[in-house]
Amino acid sequence: MNDAPIGIFDSGVGGLTVARAIRAQLPRESFVYIGDTAHSPYGPKPIADVRRYALEVLDTLVEQGVKMLVIACNTASAAMLRDARERYDVPVVEVIGPAVRRAMSTTRNGRIGVIGTVGTIASRAYQDMLEVNERLEVFAAACPRFVEFVEAGITDSPELLAIAEEYLAPLREADVDTLVLGCTHYPFLRGAIGYVMGEGVTLVSSDDETAADVYRQLLRGELLADRHAEPSYVYEATGVSADDFTALANRLMGREVRDVQLVQTGVIDLPAAARLQD
């Protein structure tokens, strides 16, 4: 079981930031990554649909024999985390809690901003966890077009900067000193977001924090890979073109993703994936 891969899931390419952090912090661990590109973006979709899509992708990962599930999607985490933990016998790690803990320990003035998809912000997953601490004031804003820019491979255009100015203006006015990037796509836009918010605002993303949580849970469950293990990395997508996913992933992350295979979930009818190592 210790040599089994970790299963990582996102609605598209955003979760690759989490996969990269896991690969850096746990270099002996293998993983299988699925991007549900057939249904991306999740943010504007009804919660019931997000829950159905996400659970069917997680079912696919479990069928592939993973030893842990990582929900590298904020919208999905908010929609079905409890369902996932009740449904599967393997540990389930999500991205919201780790980012919340980091934001709480980072803020100096107690004013924290949260940005995310419409679904994530409407769920109040971040707000409710942060507001447990009565000294904190939380200011949330949905940034629906950010995912569209990332999925199109656009991270530095004048149009993106104008949209960022519009979305982030209320948070600047609120004088937040810490901003939670409540979507795993958003680290790809760190340059634009950081420029608009200014140097005095600390950006908190979930990639490194989630990877640290994965390490803790693997250690606690005695599931860490053997020190002589040779890791493999499998990338899969549910959309109609694995080539498009590969091209976008490589544009955003360099040549880290070499092969992407189509995979069938319970929602769509696509050829089953042939699992390839990179």
Protein backbone atom coordinates (compact mmCIF):
# COMPACT_ATOMS: atom_id res chain seq x y z
CA MET A 1 0.00 0.00 0.00
CA ASN A 2 2.87 2.42 0.76
CA ASP A 3 4.03 2.31 -2.85
CA ALA A 4 0.54 3.13 -4.15
CA PRO A 5 0.14 6.60 -5.68
CA ILE A 6 -1.56 9.64 -4.21
CA GLY A 7 -4.69 10.67 -6.14
CA ILE A 8 -4.95 14.38 -6.92
CA PHE A 9 -8.04 15.96 -8.46
CA ASP A 10 -8.98 19.39 -9.79
CA SER A 11 -11.50 20.80 -12.24
CA GLY A 12 -8.66 21.65 -14.65
CA VAL A 13 -5.02 22.73 -14.54
CA GLY A 14 -5.12 24.70 -11.29
CA GLY A 15 -4.44 21.69 -9.09
CA LEU A 16 -1.11 21.21 -10.85
CA THR A 17 0.25 23.79 -8.41
CA VAL A 18 -0.64 21.41 -5.58
CA ALA A 19 0.80 18.43 -7.47
CA ARG A 20 4.05 20.35 -8.00
CA ALA A 21 4.28 21.19 -4.28
CA ILE A 22 3.65 17.56 -3.31
CA ARG A 23 6.32 16.44 -5.78
CA ALA A 24 8.80 18.93 -4.28
CA GLN A 25 8.10 18.09 -0.63
CA LEU A 26 7.65 14.33 -1.10
CA PRO A 27 9.99 13.36 -3.95
CA ARG A 28 9.57 9.62 -3.46
CA GLU A 29 5.78 9.67 -3.70
CA SER A 30 3.96 8.73 -6.91
CA PHE A 31 0.70 10.38 -7.90
CA VAL A 32 -2.16 10.22 -10.38
CA TYR A 33 -3.59 13.62 -11.32
CA ILE A 34 -7.00 14.01 -12.96
CA GLY A 35 -8.19 17.35 -14.36
CA ASP A 36 -11.94 17.28 -14.98
CA THR A 37 -11.61 19.48 -18.06
CA ALA A 38 -14.89 18.18 -19.49
CA HIS A 39 -16.74 20.16 -16.80
CA SER A 40 -14.38 23.04 -16.06
CA PRO A 41 -14.89 25.61 -14.68
CA TYR A 42 -16.71 24.38 -11.57
CA GLY A 43 -17.15 27.82 -10.00
CA PRO A 44 -20.40 28.96 -11.65
CA LYS A 45 -22.04 25.50 -11.65
CA PRO A 46 -24.76 24.40 -9.18
CA ILE A 47 -23.35 22.75 -6.06
CA ALA A 48 -25.24 19.52 -6.80
CA ASP A 49 -23.53 19.22 -10.20
CA VAL A 50 -20.10 19.97 -8.73
CA ARG A 51 -20.65 17.31 -6.08
CA ARG A 52 -21.63 14.72 -8.71
CA TYR A 53 -18.74 15.48 -11.03
CA ALA A 54 -16.21 15.51 -8.21
CA LEU A 55 -17.32 12.26 -6.58
CA GLU A 56 -17.25 10.44 -9.90
CA VAL A 57 -13.69 11.60 -10.55
CA LEU A 58 -12.67 10.57 -7.03
CA ASP A 59 -14.32 7.18 -7.62
CA THR A 60 -12.09 6.82 -10.69
CA LEU A 61 -8.98 7.58 -8.64
CA VAL A 62 -9.95 5.08 -5.95
CA GLU A 63 -10.49 2.43 -8.63
CA GLN A 64 -6.91 3.10 -9.74
CA GLY A 65 -5.67 2.08 -6.30
CA VAL A 66 -4.57 5.36 -4.72
CA LYS A 67 -3.63 5.46 -1.04
CA MET A 68 -4.82 9.04 -0.44
CA LEU A 69 -7.12 11.54 -2.13
CA VAL A 70 -6.21 15.21 -2.48
CA ILE A 71 -9.09 17.49 -3.51
CA ALA A 72 -7.03 20.25 -5.15
CA CYS A 73 -10.11 22.30 -5.97
CA ASN A 74 -11.65 24.83 -3.61
CA THR A 75 -15.12 24.68 -5.14
CA ALA A 76 -15.19 20.88 -4.92
CA SER A 77 -13.80 20.92 -1.38
CA ALA A 78 -16.60 23.24 -0.29
CA ALA A 79 -19.23 21.16 -2.08
CA MET A 80 -18.39 17.59 -1.05
CA LEU A 81 -15.56 17.23 1.46
CA ARG A 82 -17.77 15.60 4.09
CA ASP A 83 -19.25 13.25 1.48
CA ALA A 84 -15.78 12.22 0.34
CA ARG A 85 -14.55 11.47 3.84
CA GLU A 86 -17.61 9.32 4.51
CA ARG A 87 -17.45 7.57 1.12
CA TYR A 88 -13.81 6.43 0.95
CA ASP A 89 -11.58 4.33 3.18
CA VAL A 90 -8.41 6.26 2.25
CA PRO A 91 -7.41 9.60 3.83
CA VAL A 92 -8.84 12.70 2.14
CA VAL A 93 -6.93 16.00 2.12
CA GLU A 94 -8.43 19.29 0.96
CA VAL A 95 -7.08 22.76 0.23
CA ILE A 96 -9.22 25.11 2.34
CA GLY A 97 -8.12 24.27 5.89
CA PRO A 98 -4.36 24.54 5.23
CA ALA A 99 -4.74 27.98 3.63
CA VAL A 100 -6.96 29.19 6.48
CA ARG A 101 -4.42 28.15 9.08
CA ARG A 102 -1.62 29.95 7.23
CA ALA A 103 -3.72 33.13 6.84
CA MET A 104 -4.53 33.17 10.55
CA SER A 105 -0.86 32.93 11.47
CA THR A 106 0.21 35.50 8.86
CA THR A 107 -2.12 38.47 9.35
CA ARG A 108 -0.86 41.41 11.39
CA ASN A 109 -3.92 43.66 11.47
CA GLY A 110 -6.58 40.93 11.59
CA ARG A 111 -8.10 41.95 8.25
CA ILE A 112 -8.06 39.04 5.80
CA GLY A 113 -9.29 39.00 2.23
CA VAL A 114 -10.47 35.88 0.42
CA ILE A 115 -10.93 35.55 -3.33
CA GLY A 116 -12.38 32.54 -5.12
CA THR A 117 -14.94 31.29 -7.58
CA VAL A 118 -18.60 32.18 -7.23
CA GLY A 119 -19.26 28.72 -5.78
CA THR A 120 -16.47 28.89 -3.22
CA ILE A 121 -17.35 32.38 -1.99
CA ALA A 122 -21.09 31.57 -1.86
CA SER A 123 -20.39 28.45 0.22
CA ARG A 124 -18.75 30.61 2.93
CA ALA A 125 -16.28 27.79 3.54
CA TYR A 126 -13.39 30.20 4.09
CA GLN A 127 -15.39 32.88 5.86
CA ASP A 128 -16.88 30.46 8.39
CA MET A 129 -13.51 28.91 9.23
CA LEU A 130 -11.77 32.26 9.60
CA GLU A 131 -14.54 33.93 11.58
CA VAL A 132 -14.23 31.35 14.34
CA ASN A 133 -11.48 33.68 15.48
CA GLU A 134 -13.38 36.73 16.73
CA ARG A 135 -10.42 39.08 16.29
CA LEU A 136 -10.46 38.59 12.53
CA GLU A 137 -12.44 40.56 9.97
CA VAL A 138 -12.96 38.73 6.68
CA PHE A 139 -13.65 40.36 3.32
CA ALA A 140 -14.55 38.04 0.45
CA ALA A 141 -14.86 38.63 -3.29
CA ALA A 142 -15.73 36.31 -6.15
CA CYS A 143 -13.39 36.57 -9.15
CA PRO A 144 -15.14 34.40 -11.75
CA ARG A 145 -13.10 35.38 -14.79
CA PHE A 146 -9.74 34.52 -13.25
CA VAL A 147 -10.20 30.81 -13.98
CA GLU A 148 -11.13 31.61 -17.59
CA PHE A 149 -7.85 33.50 -18.04
CA VAL A 150 -5.76 30.67 -16.58
CA GLU A 151 -7.53 27.98 -18.61
CA ALA A 152 -6.83 30.08 -21.71
CA GLY A 153 -3.15 30.34 -20.75
CA ILE A 154 -3.35 34.12 -20.21
CA THR A 155 -1.47 35.30 -17.13
CA ASP A 156 -0.17 38.78 -18.03
CA SER A 157 -2.49 40.67 -20.38
CA PRO A 158 -3.77 44.28 -20.01
CA GLU A 159 -7.32 42.89 -19.92
CA LEU A 160 -6.41 40.60 -17.02
CA LEU A 161 -4.88 43.49 -15.12
CA ALA A 162 -8.01 45.61 -15.63
CA ILE A 163 -10.23 42.78 -14.38
CA ALA A 164 -7.96 42.29 -11.37
CA GLU A 165 -8.20 46.01 -10.54
CA GLU A 166 -11.99 45.74 -10.65
CA TYR A 167 -12.27 42.56 -8.57
CA LEU A 168 -9.71 43.54 -5.94
CA ALA A 169 -10.62 47.20 -5.39
CA PRO A 170 -12.99 46.46 -2.45
CA LEU A 171 -10.31 44.41 -0.72
CA ARG A 172 -7.73 47.16 -1.10
CA GLU A 173 -10.25 49.63 0.31
CA ALA A 174 -10.82 47.27 3.24
CA ASP A 175 -7.09 47.49 4.09
CA VAL A 176 -6.54 43.74 4.23
CA ASP A 177 -2.95 42.75 4.91
CA THR A 178 -3.39 39.09 3.94
CA LEU A 179 -5.15 37.74 0.86
CA VAL A 180 -6.12 34.10 0.52
CA LEU A 181 -6.04 32.83 -3.07
CA GLY A 182 -9.07 30.61 -2.64
CA CYS A 183 -8.70 28.78 -5.95
CA THR A 184 -5.78 26.63 -7.06
CA HIS A 185 -5.82 28.38 -10.45
CA TYR A 186 -5.02 31.73 -8.87
CA PRO A 187 -1.30 31.17 -8.08
CA PHE A 188 -0.73 31.36 -11.84
CA LEU A 189 -1.99 34.95 -11.58
CA ARG A 190 0.14 35.82 -8.56
CA GLY A 191 2.01 38.51 -10.51
CA ALA A 192 -1.11 40.46 -11.46
CA ILE A 193 -2.83 39.94 -8.10
CA GLY A 194 0.28 40.94 -6.15
CA TYR A 195 0.78 44.04 -8.31
CA VAL A 196 -2.79 45.24 -7.75
CA MET A 197 -2.82 44.52 -4.01
CA GLY A 198 0.59 46.07 -3.35
CA GLU A 199 3.72 44.97 -1.53
CA GLY A 200 2.18 45.29 1.92
CA VAL A 201 -0.30 42.46 1.34
CA THR A 202 0.81 38.85 1.84
CA LEU A 203 -0.67 36.36 -0.63
CA VAL A 204 -1.56 32.96 0.82
CA SER A 205 -2.11 30.02 -1.51
CA SER A 206 -2.90 26.44 -0.62
CA ASP A 207 -0.29 24.56 -2.64
CA ASP A 208 2.61 24.38 -0.18
CA GLU A 209 0.31 24.23 2.85
CA THR A 210 -1.67 21.34 1.36
CA ALA A 211 1.53 19.45 0.53
CA ALA A 212 2.62 19.81 4.15
CA ASP A 213 -0.76 18.44 5.25
CA VAL A 214 -0.31 15.48 2.87
CA TYR A 215 3.07 14.76 4.48
CA ARG A 216 1.60 14.89 8.00
CA GLN A 217 -1.25 12.53 7.15
CA LEU A 218 0.98 10.04 5.32
CA LEU A 219 3.37 10.03 8.26
CA ARG A 220 0.56 9.64 10.79
CA GLY A 221 -0.96 6.76 8.81
CA GLU A 222 2.43 5.10 8.20
CA LEU A 223 1.82 5.46 4.46
CA LEU A 224 5.02 7.19 3.35
CA ALA A 225 6.68 5.54 0.35
CA ASP A 226 9.80 3.49 0.95
CA ARG A 227 13.00 5.53 0.83
CA HIS A 228 14.14 3.53 -2.21
CA ALA A 229 10.86 4.01 -4.10
CA GLU A 230 11.02 5.13 -7.73
CA PRO A 231 8.13 7.59 -8.20
CA SER A 232 5.86 7.78 -11.25
CA TYR A 233 3.60 10.65 -12.25
CA VAL A 234 0.43 10.02 -14.23
CA TYR A 235 -1.63 12.88 -15.68
CA GLU A 236 -5.17 12.34 -16.93
CA ALA A 237 -7.98 14.58 -18.17
CA THR A 238 -11.67 14.06 -18.90
CA GLY A 239 -11.94 16.58 -21.75
CA VAL A 240 -11.99 15.78 -25.44
CA SER A 241 -8.35 16.71 -26.11
CA ALA A 242 -5.44 15.54 -24.00
CA ASP A 243 -3.15 17.51 -26.31
CA ASP A 244 -4.86 20.77 -25.33
CA PHE A 245 -4.40 19.98 -21.63
CA THR A 246 -0.74 19.09 -22.18
CA ALA A 247 -0.07 22.28 -24.14
CA LEU A 248 -1.71 24.48 -21.49
CA ALA A 249 0.01 22.69 -18.61
CA ASN A 250 3.38 23.06 -20.24
CA ARG A 251 2.77 26.72 -21.00
CA LEU A 252 1.97 27.37 -17.36
CA MET A 253 4.51 25.04 -15.72
CA GLY A 254 7.25 24.30 -18.24
CA ARG A 255 7.91 20.76 -19.43
CA GLU A 256 6.76 19.20 -16.18
CA VAL A 257 3.76 17.45 -17.76
CA ARG A 258 4.83 15.25 -20.64
CA ASP A 259 1.92 12.89 -21.31
CA VAL A 260 -1.78 13.32 -20.58
CA GLN A 261 -4.30 10.58 -21.24
CA LEU A 262 -8.06 10.78 -21.51
CA VAL A 263 -9.95 9.06 -18.71
CA GLN A 264 -13.60 8.08 -18.45
CA THR A 265 -15.67 9.01 -15.41
CA GLY A 266 -19.27 8.15 -14.72
CA VAL A 267 -20.50 11.37 -16.33
CA ILE A 268 -19.03 11.30 -19.82
CA ASP A 269 -18.35 8.67 -22.44
CA LEU A 270 -14.70 8.83 -23.41
CA PRO A 271 -12.12 6.09 -24.06
CA ALA A 272 -10.56 4.74 -20.88
CA ALA A 273 -7.09 6.02 -20.17
CA ALA A 274 -3.93 4.11 -20.79
CA ARG A 275 -1.81 5.06 -17.80
CA LEU A 276 1.61 6.36 -18.80
CA GLN A 277 4.48 7.52 -16.68
CA ASP A 278 6.24 10.74 -17.53
